[in-house]
Amino acid sequence: MKNVKVILSAVALLCVGFAAQAQEVKIGYTNVEFIMDLMPEMEQIGADIQDYQTQLQTTMQLKAEDFQRQVQTYQQAAQTMTEEARAAKEQELTELRDNLQKMESDSQISYQRKLGELLEPVQTKVINAINAVAAENNYTHIFAETAGQAPVLLYTKEEDKFTELVLAKLGLEMPTAPAAPAGN
């Protein structure tokens, strides 16, 4: 009877050991923005979004200049206008100003939408690479560092260089740190 208890205890410990091993957690972290910045597509995206922003700014500037000209013309002619004509012109200028403000708001929304459209394929490519590397290397959790904020993960082993693995998956190389100036 005592032997059966010893054998059952040994089997129970063995099962607990296998269960603990099967539930091993492997956590990694990466900086998605850093990886995206290294993607060759980002240079073209930067140029495209700059061109788009320039177009929006040019359009806004032309509309603002036209509005200012109309205001100046009104101010010069206001003394000679009838009360009705003055009220009508003021109403027209108010509508133009409101339209200009709406156009500015719409431009900002349009810019953000365009940026999202341009970045989406790169983001998808990076996320797919992260998922593939995580699966290939048996990671159970990957956390993202966010620019300007403390990383969500507080501790990780130095040898868990997940970002480097993702860069390798994408065919990119980790940039080398600049050498420290001599004498420091």
N, C-alpha and C. Protein backbone atom coordinates (compact mmCIF):
# COMPACT_ATOMS: atom_id res chain seq x y z
N MET A 1 0.83 -1.19 0.00
CA MET A 1 0.00 0.00 0.00
C MET A 1 0.87 1.25 0.00
N LYS A 2 1.95 1.20 0.78
CA LYS A 2 2.86 2.33 0.85
C LYS A 2 3.54 2.55 -0.50
N ASN A 3 3.87 1.47 -1.20
CA ASN A 3 4.49 1.57 -2.52
C ASN A 3 3.56 2.22 -3.53
N VAL A 4 2.28 1.94 -3.44
CA VAL A 4 1.30 2.52 -4.35
C VAL A 4 1.23 4.03 -4.15
N LYS A 5 1.27 4.48 -2.89
CA LYS A 5 1.24 5.91 -2.59
C LYS A 5 2.48 6.60 -3.14
N VAL A 6 3.62 5.98 -3.01
CA VAL A 6 4.87 6.55 -3.50
C VAL A 6 4.83 6.64 -5.03
N ILE A 7 4.34 5.58 -5.67
CA ILE A 7 4.26 5.57 -7.13
C ILE A 7 3.26 6.62 -7.60
N LEU A 8 2.10 6.73 -6.96
CA LEU A 8 1.09 7.74 -7.33
C LEU A 8 1.63 9.14 -7.12
N SER A 9 2.37 9.35 -6.03
CA SER A 9 2.97 10.67 -5.78
C SER A 9 3.98 11.01 -6.85
N ALA A 10 4.79 10.04 -7.23
CA ALA A 10 5.80 10.26 -8.28
C ALA A 10 5.12 10.58 -9.60
N VAL A 11 4.06 9.85 -9.93
CA VAL A 11 3.32 10.09 -11.18
C VAL A 11 2.68 11.48 -11.13
N ALA A 12 2.12 11.86 -9.99
CA ALA A 12 1.49 13.17 -9.85
C ALA A 12 2.53 14.27 -10.05
N LEU A 13 3.72 14.13 -9.45
CA LEU A 13 4.77 15.13 -9.62
C LEU A 13 5.23 15.20 -11.07
N LEU A 14 5.32 14.05 -11.71
CA LEU A 14 5.72 14.01 -13.11
C LEU A 14 4.69 14.74 -13.99
N CYS A 15 3.41 14.50 -13.71
CA CYS A 15 2.33 15.17 -14.48
C CYS A 15 2.35 16.67 -14.25
N VAL A 16 2.59 17.09 -13.01
CA VAL A 16 2.65 18.52 -12.71
C VAL A 16 3.83 19.14 -13.45
N GLY A 17 4.94 18.45 -13.48
CA GLY A 17 6.12 18.93 -14.20
C GLY A 17 5.84 19.09 -15.68
N PHE A 18 5.19 18.10 -16.30
CA PHE A 18 4.85 18.20 -17.72
C PHE A 18 3.85 19.32 -17.98
N ALA A 19 2.88 19.48 -17.09
CA ALA A 19 1.88 20.53 -17.25
C ALA A 19 2.54 21.91 -17.14
N ALA A 20 3.46 22.03 -16.19
CA ALA A 20 4.15 23.32 -16.03
C ALA A 20 5.00 23.61 -17.25
N GLN A 21 5.64 22.57 -17.80
CA GLN A 21 6.46 22.77 -18.98
C GLN A 21 5.60 23.12 -20.19
N ALA A 22 4.44 22.51 -20.31
CA ALA A 22 3.56 22.76 -21.44
C ALA A 22 2.98 24.17 -21.39
N GLN A 23 2.90 24.74 -20.20
CA GLN A 23 2.33 26.07 -20.05
C GLN A 23 3.41 27.15 -19.93
N GLU A 24 4.61 26.86 -20.41
CA GLU A 24 5.70 27.82 -20.33
C GLU A 24 5.32 29.09 -21.08
N VAL A 25 5.58 30.20 -20.46
CA VAL A 25 5.28 31.49 -21.06
C VAL A 25 6.59 32.10 -21.55
N LYS A 26 6.59 32.53 -22.78
CA LYS A 26 7.76 33.21 -23.33
C LYS A 26 7.28 34.58 -23.81
N ILE A 27 7.83 35.60 -23.22
CA ILE A 27 7.39 36.97 -23.49
C ILE A 27 8.48 37.71 -24.23
N GLY A 28 8.09 38.49 -25.21
CA GLY A 28 9.03 39.33 -25.94
C GLY A 28 8.46 40.73 -26.06
N TYR A 29 9.31 41.66 -26.43
CA TYR A 29 8.83 43.02 -26.67
C TYR A 29 9.53 43.58 -27.89
N THR A 30 8.88 44.53 -28.50
CA THR A 30 9.45 45.14 -29.70
C THR A 30 8.94 46.56 -29.82
N ASN A 31 9.56 47.31 -30.69
CA ASN A 31 9.16 48.68 -30.95
C ASN A 31 8.71 48.74 -32.41
N VAL A 32 7.41 48.73 -32.62
CA VAL A 32 6.84 48.68 -33.97
C VAL A 32 7.24 49.92 -34.78
N GLU A 33 7.24 51.08 -34.15
CA GLU A 33 7.60 52.31 -34.85
C GLU A 33 9.05 52.25 -35.34
N PHE A 34 9.93 51.72 -34.51
CA PHE A 34 11.34 51.58 -34.87
C PHE A 34 11.48 50.69 -36.10
N ILE A 35 10.79 49.56 -36.08
CA ILE A 35 10.86 48.64 -37.22
C ILE A 35 10.31 49.31 -38.47
N MET A 36 9.18 49.97 -38.33
CA MET A 36 8.56 50.63 -39.49
C MET A 36 9.48 51.70 -40.07
N ASP A 37 10.16 52.44 -39.20
CA ASP A 37 11.08 53.49 -39.67
C ASP A 37 12.21 52.91 -40.52
N LEU A 38 12.57 51.65 -40.29
CA LEU A 38 13.64 51.02 -41.05
C LEU A 38 13.16 50.40 -42.37
N MET A 39 11.87 50.33 -42.54
CA MET A 39 11.33 49.73 -43.77
C MET A 39 11.63 50.65 -44.95
N PRO A 40 12.07 50.08 -46.08
CA PRO A 40 12.41 50.91 -47.24
C PRO A 40 11.21 51.70 -47.79
N GLU A 41 10.01 51.19 -47.58
CA GLU A 41 8.81 51.87 -48.08
C GLU A 41 8.56 53.21 -47.39
N MET A 42 9.12 53.37 -46.19
CA MET A 42 8.83 54.57 -45.41
C MET A 42 9.37 55.84 -46.06
N GLU A 43 10.45 55.73 -46.79
CA GLU A 43 11.00 56.91 -47.46
C GLU A 43 10.00 57.45 -48.50
N GLN A 44 9.43 56.54 -49.28
CA GLN A 44 8.44 56.96 -50.28
C GLN A 44 7.17 57.47 -49.61
N ILE A 45 6.76 56.82 -48.53
CA ILE A 45 5.57 57.27 -47.80
C ILE A 45 5.81 58.67 -47.26
N GLY A 46 6.99 58.93 -46.73
CA GLY A 46 7.32 60.27 -46.22
C GLY A 46 7.24 61.31 -47.32
N ALA A 47 7.77 60.98 -48.50
CA ALA A 47 7.72 61.92 -49.63
C ALA A 47 6.28 62.13 -50.09
N ASP A 48 5.51 61.05 -50.17
CA ASP A 48 4.11 61.15 -50.61
C ASP A 48 3.27 61.98 -49.65
N ILE A 49 3.44 61.75 -48.36
CA ILE A 49 2.62 62.49 -47.39
C ILE A 49 3.05 63.95 -47.33
N GLN A 50 4.34 64.22 -47.56
CA GLN A 50 4.81 65.61 -47.62
C GLN A 50 4.20 66.33 -48.81
N ASP A 51 4.16 65.66 -49.97
CA ASP A 51 3.53 66.25 -51.16
C ASP A 51 2.05 66.53 -50.90
N TYR A 52 1.38 65.58 -50.27
CA TYR A 52 -0.05 65.74 -49.99
C TYR A 52 -0.27 66.91 -49.03
N GLN A 53 0.56 67.00 -48.02
CA GLN A 53 0.45 68.10 -47.06
C GLN A 53 0.70 69.44 -47.75
N THR A 54 1.66 69.48 -48.64
CA THR A 54 1.95 70.71 -49.38
C THR A 54 0.75 71.13 -50.22
N GLN A 55 0.11 70.16 -50.89
CA GLN A 55 -1.08 70.46 -51.68
C GLN A 55 -2.19 71.04 -50.80
N LEU A 56 -2.41 70.42 -49.65
CA LEU A 56 -3.44 70.91 -48.75
C LEU A 56 -3.12 72.32 -48.26
N GLN A 57 -1.87 72.55 -47.89
CA GLN A 57 -1.46 73.87 -47.40
C GLN A 57 -1.58 74.93 -48.49
N THR A 58 -1.22 74.59 -49.72
CA THR A 58 -1.32 75.53 -50.83
C THR A 58 -2.77 75.92 -51.07
N THR A 59 -3.63 74.92 -51.07
CA THR A 59 -5.06 75.19 -51.27
C THR A 59 -5.60 76.08 -50.15
N MET A 60 -5.23 75.77 -48.90
CA MET A 60 -5.68 76.57 -47.77
C MET A 60 -5.15 77.99 -47.86
N GLN A 61 -3.90 78.13 -48.24
CA GLN A 61 -3.28 79.46 -48.34
C GLN A 61 -3.98 80.30 -49.41
N LEU A 62 -4.28 79.70 -50.56
CA LEU A 62 -4.97 80.43 -51.63
C LEU A 62 -6.36 80.88 -51.18
N LYS A 63 -7.06 79.99 -50.50
CA LYS A 63 -8.40 80.34 -50.01
C LYS A 63 -8.32 81.45 -48.96
N ALA A 64 -7.33 81.37 -48.07
CA ALA A 64 -7.17 82.39 -47.03
C ALA A 64 -6.81 83.74 -47.65
N GLU A 65 -5.95 83.75 -48.65
CA GLU A 65 -5.57 84.99 -49.33
C GLU A 65 -6.78 85.60 -50.04
N ASP A 66 -7.57 84.76 -50.68
CA ASP A 66 -8.78 85.25 -51.35
C ASP A 66 -9.74 85.85 -50.33
N PHE A 67 -9.90 85.20 -49.19
CA PHE A 67 -10.76 85.72 -48.14
C PHE A 67 -10.25 87.08 -47.64
N GLN A 68 -8.95 87.19 -47.41
CA GLN A 68 -8.36 88.44 -46.94
C GLN A 68 -8.57 89.57 -47.96
N ARG A 69 -8.43 89.25 -49.25
CA ARG A 69 -8.67 90.26 -50.29
C ARG A 69 -10.11 90.75 -50.26
N GLN A 70 -11.03 89.82 -50.09
CA GLN A 70 -12.44 90.21 -50.04
C GLN A 70 -12.75 91.06 -48.80
N VAL A 71 -12.11 90.73 -47.68
CA VAL A 71 -12.30 91.53 -46.46
C VAL A 71 -11.75 92.94 -46.69
N GLN A 72 -10.57 93.06 -47.27
CA GLN A 72 -9.98 94.38 -47.53
C GLN A 72 -10.84 95.19 -48.50
N THR A 73 -11.33 94.51 -49.53
CA THR A 73 -12.20 95.21 -50.49
C THR A 73 -13.45 95.71 -49.78
N TYR A 74 -14.03 94.89 -48.92
CA TYR A 74 -15.22 95.29 -48.17
C TYR A 74 -14.91 96.48 -47.27
N GLN A 75 -13.78 96.42 -46.55
CA GLN A 75 -13.42 97.50 -45.63
C GLN A 75 -13.24 98.82 -46.37
N GLN A 76 -12.69 98.76 -47.57
CA GLN A 76 -12.48 99.98 -48.34
C GLN A 76 -13.80 100.54 -48.88
N ALA A 77 -14.73 99.65 -49.20
CA ALA A 77 -15.99 100.09 -49.82
C ALA A 77 -17.13 100.23 -48.82
N ALA A 78 -16.93 99.83 -47.58
CA ALA A 78 -18.02 99.81 -46.60
C ALA A 78 -18.66 101.18 -46.41
N GLN A 79 -17.87 102.26 -46.43
CA GLN A 79 -18.41 103.61 -46.20
C GLN A 79 -19.38 104.03 -47.28
N THR A 80 -19.19 103.53 -48.50
CA THR A 80 -20.04 103.96 -49.61
C THR A 80 -21.21 103.00 -49.87
N MET A 81 -21.30 101.91 -49.12
CA MET A 81 -22.34 100.90 -49.34
C MET A 81 -23.60 101.24 -48.56
N THR A 82 -24.72 100.79 -49.10
CA THR A 82 -25.97 100.93 -48.35
C THR A 82 -25.96 99.94 -47.19
N GLU A 83 -26.85 100.19 -46.25
CA GLU A 83 -26.94 99.29 -45.08
C GLU A 83 -27.25 97.86 -45.50
N GLU A 84 -28.13 97.70 -46.47
CA GLU A 84 -28.50 96.36 -46.97
C GLU A 84 -27.31 95.69 -47.64
N ALA A 85 -26.61 96.42 -48.48
CA ALA A 85 -25.45 95.87 -49.18
C ALA A 85 -24.35 95.49 -48.19
N ARG A 86 -24.16 96.33 -47.18
CA ARG A 86 -23.16 96.05 -46.17
C ARG A 86 -23.52 94.79 -45.38
N ALA A 87 -24.77 94.65 -44.99
CA ALA A 87 -25.23 93.47 -44.24
C ALA A 87 -25.08 92.21 -45.09
N ALA A 88 -25.41 92.31 -46.38
CA ALA A 88 -25.29 91.16 -47.28
C ALA A 88 -23.82 90.75 -47.44
N LYS A 89 -22.94 91.73 -47.59
CA LYS A 89 -21.51 91.45 -47.76
C LYS A 89 -20.93 90.87 -46.47
N GLU A 90 -21.35 91.38 -45.33
CA GLU A 90 -20.88 90.85 -44.05
C GLU A 90 -21.33 89.40 -43.87
N GLN A 91 -22.56 89.11 -44.28
CA GLN A 91 -23.08 87.74 -44.21
C GLN A 91 -22.27 86.83 -45.13
N GLU A 92 -21.95 87.32 -46.33
CA GLU A 92 -21.15 86.55 -47.29
C GLU A 92 -19.76 86.27 -46.73
N LEU A 93 -19.14 87.30 -46.12
CA LEU A 93 -17.81 87.14 -45.54
C LEU A 93 -17.82 86.18 -44.34
N THR A 94 -18.88 86.22 -43.56
CA THR A 94 -19.02 85.30 -42.43
C THR A 94 -19.10 83.86 -42.93
N GLU A 95 -19.86 83.65 -44.00
CA GLU A 95 -19.98 82.31 -44.58
C GLU A 95 -18.63 81.85 -45.16
N LEU A 96 -17.92 82.77 -45.81
CA LEU A 96 -16.61 82.43 -46.35
C LEU A 96 -15.64 82.05 -45.23
N ARG A 97 -15.66 82.81 -44.14
CA ARG A 97 -14.79 82.51 -42.99
C ARG A 97 -15.14 81.14 -42.40
N ASP A 98 -16.44 80.87 -42.24
CA ASP A 98 -16.88 79.58 -41.71
C ASP A 98 -16.45 78.43 -42.63
N ASN A 99 -16.59 78.65 -43.93
CA ASN A 99 -16.17 77.63 -44.91
C ASN A 99 -14.65 77.40 -44.84
N LEU A 100 -13.91 78.48 -44.66
CA LEU A 100 -12.45 78.38 -44.54
C LEU A 100 -12.07 77.57 -43.30
N GLN A 101 -12.74 77.82 -42.19
CA GLN A 101 -12.47 77.07 -40.96
C GLN A 101 -12.85 75.60 -41.13
N LYS A 102 -13.96 75.33 -41.79
CA LYS A 102 -14.37 73.95 -42.04
C LYS A 102 -13.37 73.26 -42.97
N MET A 103 -12.90 74.00 -43.97
CA MET A 103 -11.93 73.45 -44.90
C MET A 103 -10.63 73.08 -44.16
N GLU A 104 -10.23 73.91 -43.22
CA GLU A 104 -9.02 73.63 -42.44
C GLU A 104 -9.20 72.36 -41.62
N SER A 105 -10.34 72.23 -40.98
CA SER A 105 -10.64 71.02 -40.20
C SER A 105 -10.70 69.79 -41.11
N ASP A 106 -11.35 69.93 -42.25
CA ASP A 106 -11.43 68.82 -43.21
C ASP A 106 -10.06 68.43 -43.74
N SER A 107 -9.18 69.42 -43.91
CA SER A 107 -7.82 69.15 -44.39
C SER A 107 -7.05 68.30 -43.38
N GLN A 108 -7.21 68.60 -42.10
CA GLN A 108 -6.53 67.83 -41.07
C GLN A 108 -7.03 66.39 -41.05
N ILE A 109 -8.33 66.22 -41.19
CA ILE A 109 -8.92 64.88 -41.24
C ILE A 109 -8.45 64.15 -42.48
N SER A 110 -8.42 64.84 -43.59
CA SER A 110 -7.97 64.25 -44.85
C SER A 110 -6.51 63.83 -44.76
N TYR A 111 -5.68 64.64 -44.13
CA TYR A 111 -4.27 64.33 -43.95
C TYR A 111 -4.10 63.05 -43.13
N GLN A 112 -4.83 62.97 -42.02
CA GLN A 112 -4.74 61.79 -41.16
C GLN A 112 -5.23 60.53 -41.90
N ARG A 113 -6.28 60.67 -42.67
CA ARG A 113 -6.81 59.54 -43.43
C ARG A 113 -5.80 59.08 -44.47
N LYS A 114 -5.19 60.03 -45.18
CA LYS A 114 -4.19 59.70 -46.21
C LYS A 114 -2.98 59.03 -45.57
N LEU A 115 -2.52 59.54 -44.43
CA LEU A 115 -1.40 58.94 -43.73
C LEU A 115 -1.72 57.50 -43.33
N GLY A 116 -2.91 57.29 -42.83
CA GLY A 116 -3.34 55.94 -42.46
C GLY A 116 -3.36 54.99 -43.66
N GLU A 117 -3.86 55.48 -44.80
CA GLU A 117 -3.90 54.67 -46.01
C GLU A 117 -2.49 54.30 -46.47
N LEU A 118 -1.57 55.25 -46.39
CA LEU A 118 -0.20 55.00 -46.83
C LEU A 118 0.53 54.04 -45.88
N LEU A 119 0.27 54.15 -44.58
CA LEU A 119 0.97 53.33 -43.59
C LEU A 119 0.39 51.92 -43.45
N GLU A 120 -0.86 51.75 -43.82
CA GLU A 120 -1.53 50.46 -43.59
C GLU A 120 -0.77 49.26 -44.17
N PRO A 121 -0.30 49.29 -45.42
CA PRO A 121 0.42 48.11 -45.93
C PRO A 121 1.71 47.81 -45.16
N VAL A 122 2.42 48.85 -44.74
CA VAL A 122 3.65 48.64 -43.98
C VAL A 122 3.33 48.08 -42.60
N GLN A 123 2.31 48.63 -41.96
CA GLN A 123 1.90 48.12 -40.65
C GLN A 123 1.51 46.65 -40.74
N THR A 124 0.75 46.32 -41.76
CA THR A 124 0.32 44.93 -41.95
C THR A 124 1.54 44.02 -42.15
N LYS A 125 2.48 44.46 -42.95
CA LYS A 125 3.70 43.68 -43.21
C LYS A 125 4.48 43.45 -41.91
N VAL A 126 4.63 44.48 -41.10
CA VAL A 126 5.36 44.36 -39.84
C VAL A 126 4.61 43.46 -38.86
N ILE A 127 3.30 43.64 -38.74
CA ILE A 127 2.51 42.81 -37.82
C ILE A 127 2.57 41.35 -38.25
N ASN A 128 2.48 41.10 -39.55
CA ASN A 128 2.59 39.71 -40.03
C ASN A 128 3.96 39.12 -39.70
N ALA A 129 5.01 39.93 -39.84
CA ALA A 129 6.35 39.45 -39.50
C ALA A 129 6.47 39.19 -38.00
N ILE A 130 5.90 40.06 -37.19
CA ILE A 130 5.92 39.85 -35.73
C ILE A 130 5.20 38.56 -35.38
N ASN A 131 4.03 38.34 -35.98
CA ASN A 131 3.28 37.11 -35.70
C ASN A 131 4.06 35.88 -36.14
N ALA A 132 4.70 35.93 -37.29
CA ALA A 132 5.48 34.79 -37.79
C ALA A 132 6.66 34.50 -36.89
N VAL A 133 7.40 35.55 -36.51
CA VAL A 133 8.57 35.35 -35.64
C VAL A 133 8.13 34.84 -34.27
N ALA A 134 7.05 35.35 -33.75
CA ALA A 134 6.55 34.89 -32.45
C ALA A 134 6.20 33.41 -32.51
N ALA A 135 5.52 32.99 -33.57
CA ALA A 135 5.16 31.58 -33.72
C ALA A 135 6.40 30.70 -33.91
N GLU A 136 7.33 31.14 -34.74
CA GLU A 136 8.55 30.36 -35.02
C GLU A 136 9.43 30.19 -33.79
N ASN A 137 9.41 31.16 -32.89
CA ASN A 137 10.28 31.14 -31.72
C ASN A 137 9.53 30.85 -30.42
N ASN A 138 8.32 30.34 -30.55
CA ASN A 138 7.50 29.91 -29.40
C ASN A 138 7.24 31.00 -28.37
N TYR A 139 7.09 32.23 -28.80
CA TYR A 139 6.70 33.29 -27.89
C TYR A 139 5.21 33.16 -27.60
N THR A 140 4.83 33.45 -26.38
CA THR A 140 3.41 33.43 -26.04
C THR A 140 2.84 34.84 -25.95
N HIS A 141 3.68 35.81 -25.68
CA HIS A 141 3.23 37.20 -25.56
C HIS A 141 4.30 38.12 -26.13
N ILE A 142 3.88 39.11 -26.87
CA ILE A 142 4.78 40.15 -27.37
C ILE A 142 4.16 41.49 -26.98
N PHE A 143 4.93 42.31 -26.34
CA PHE A 143 4.46 43.63 -25.97
C PHE A 143 5.12 44.68 -26.85
N ALA A 144 4.42 45.75 -27.07
CA ALA A 144 4.94 46.85 -27.88
C ALA A 144 5.39 47.99 -26.99
N GLU A 145 6.57 48.50 -27.30
CA GLU A 145 7.00 49.75 -26.68
C GLU A 145 6.34 50.85 -27.48
N THR A 146 5.97 51.92 -26.84
CA THR A 146 5.39 53.03 -27.56
C THR A 146 6.28 54.24 -27.40
N ALA A 147 6.41 54.99 -28.48
CA ALA A 147 7.30 56.15 -28.49
C ALA A 147 6.88 57.15 -27.43
N GLY A 148 7.85 57.63 -26.67
CA GLY A 148 7.58 58.67 -25.68
C GLY A 148 6.99 58.16 -24.38
N GLN A 149 6.75 56.86 -24.27
CA GLN A 149 6.18 56.32 -23.04
C GLN A 149 7.03 55.16 -22.58
N ALA A 150 6.92 54.84 -21.30
CA ALA A 150 7.65 53.69 -20.77
C ALA A 150 7.08 52.43 -21.40
N PRO A 151 7.93 51.44 -21.66
CA PRO A 151 7.41 50.19 -22.23
C PRO A 151 6.46 49.53 -21.25
N VAL A 152 5.51 48.79 -21.79
CA VAL A 152 4.54 48.09 -20.97
C VAL A 152 5.23 47.01 -20.16
N LEU A 153 6.24 46.37 -20.71
CA LEU A 153 6.95 45.30 -20.06
C LEU A 153 8.05 45.88 -19.16
N LEU A 154 8.09 45.43 -17.94
CA LEU A 154 9.05 45.98 -17.00
C LEU A 154 10.35 45.19 -16.94
N TYR A 155 10.35 43.94 -17.33
CA TYR A 155 11.56 43.13 -17.28
C TYR A 155 11.57 42.14 -18.44
N THR A 156 12.72 41.98 -19.04
CA THR A 156 12.92 40.94 -20.03
C THR A 156 14.40 40.60 -20.04
N LYS A 157 14.70 39.38 -20.37
CA LYS A 157 16.11 38.98 -20.46
C LYS A 157 16.74 39.65 -21.67
N GLU A 158 17.98 40.02 -21.55
CA GLU A 158 18.69 40.71 -22.62
C GLU A 158 18.76 39.86 -23.89
N GLU A 159 18.84 38.53 -23.73
CA GLU A 159 18.98 37.69 -24.91
C GLU A 159 17.70 37.56 -25.73
N ASP A 160 16.57 38.06 -25.23
CA ASP A 160 15.33 38.04 -25.99
C ASP A 160 15.28 39.27 -26.90
N LYS A 161 15.94 39.21 -28.00
CA LYS A 161 16.04 40.34 -28.93
C LYS A 161 15.03 40.14 -30.06
N PHE A 162 13.78 40.29 -29.73
CA PHE A 162 12.70 40.04 -30.68
C PHE A 162 12.75 41.01 -31.85
N THR A 163 13.06 42.26 -31.61
CA THR A 163 13.11 43.25 -32.69
C THR A 163 14.11 42.82 -33.76
N GLU A 164 15.26 42.33 -33.34
CA GLU A 164 16.27 41.89 -34.30
C GLU A 164 15.76 40.72 -35.14
N LEU A 165 15.01 39.80 -34.50
CA LEU A 165 14.45 38.66 -35.23
C LEU A 165 13.44 39.12 -36.28
N VAL A 166 12.61 40.11 -35.92
CA VAL A 166 11.62 40.63 -36.87
C VAL A 166 12.33 41.33 -38.02
N LEU A 167 13.36 42.13 -37.70
CA LEU A 167 14.11 42.80 -38.77
C LEU A 167 14.72 41.77 -39.72
N ALA A 168 15.28 40.68 -39.17
CA ALA A 168 15.86 39.63 -40.01
C ALA A 168 14.79 38.99 -40.88
N LYS A 169 13.61 38.79 -40.32
CA LYS A 169 12.49 38.19 -41.08
C LYS A 169 12.11 39.09 -42.25
N LEU A 170 12.23 40.39 -42.06
CA LEU A 170 11.88 41.36 -43.11
C LEU A 170 13.06 41.63 -44.04
N GLY A 171 14.21 41.00 -43.77
CA GLY A 171 15.39 41.21 -44.60
C GLY A 171 16.09 42.54 -44.32
N LEU A 172 15.90 43.07 -43.11
CA LEU A 172 16.51 44.35 -42.74
C LEU A 172 17.61 44.11 -41.72
N GLU A 173 18.54 45.03 -41.64
CA GLU A 173 19.62 44.92 -40.67
C GLU A 173 19.44 45.95 -39.57
N MET A 174 19.85 45.57 -38.37
CA MET A 174 19.82 46.49 -37.24
C MET A 174 20.90 47.54 -37.47
N PRO A 175 20.56 48.83 -37.39
CA PRO A 175 21.58 49.85 -37.59
C PRO A 175 22.59 49.80 -36.45
N THR A 176 23.82 50.11 -36.77
CA THR A 176 24.85 50.13 -35.74
C THR A 176 24.82 51.46 -35.01
N ALA A 177 25.12 51.40 -33.73
CA ALA A 177 25.15 52.62 -32.94
C ALA A 177 26.37 53.44 -33.34
N PRO A 178 26.26 54.77 -33.39
CA PRO A 178 27.43 55.58 -33.74
C PRO A 178 28.51 55.42 -32.69
N ALA A 179 29.75 55.42 -33.12
CA ALA A 179 30.88 55.28 -32.20
C ALA A 179 30.97 56.51 -31.31
N ALA A 180 31.36 56.28 -30.07
CA ALA A 180 31.50 57.39 -29.11
C ALA A 180 32.70 58.23 -29.55
N PRO A 181 32.59 59.54 -29.44
CA PRO A 181 33.72 60.41 -29.80
C PRO A 181 34.93 60.09 -28.93
N ALA A 182 36.12 60.19 -29.50
CA ALA A 182 37.36 59.91 -28.78
C ALA A 182 37.54 60.91 -27.65
N GLY A 183 38.04 60.43 -26.52
CA GLY A 183 38.32 61.31 -25.40
C GLY A 183 37.17 61.41 -24.42
N ASN A 184 36.05 60.75 -24.68
CA ASN A 184 34.91 60.77 -23.73
C ASN A 184 34.87 59.56 -22.90
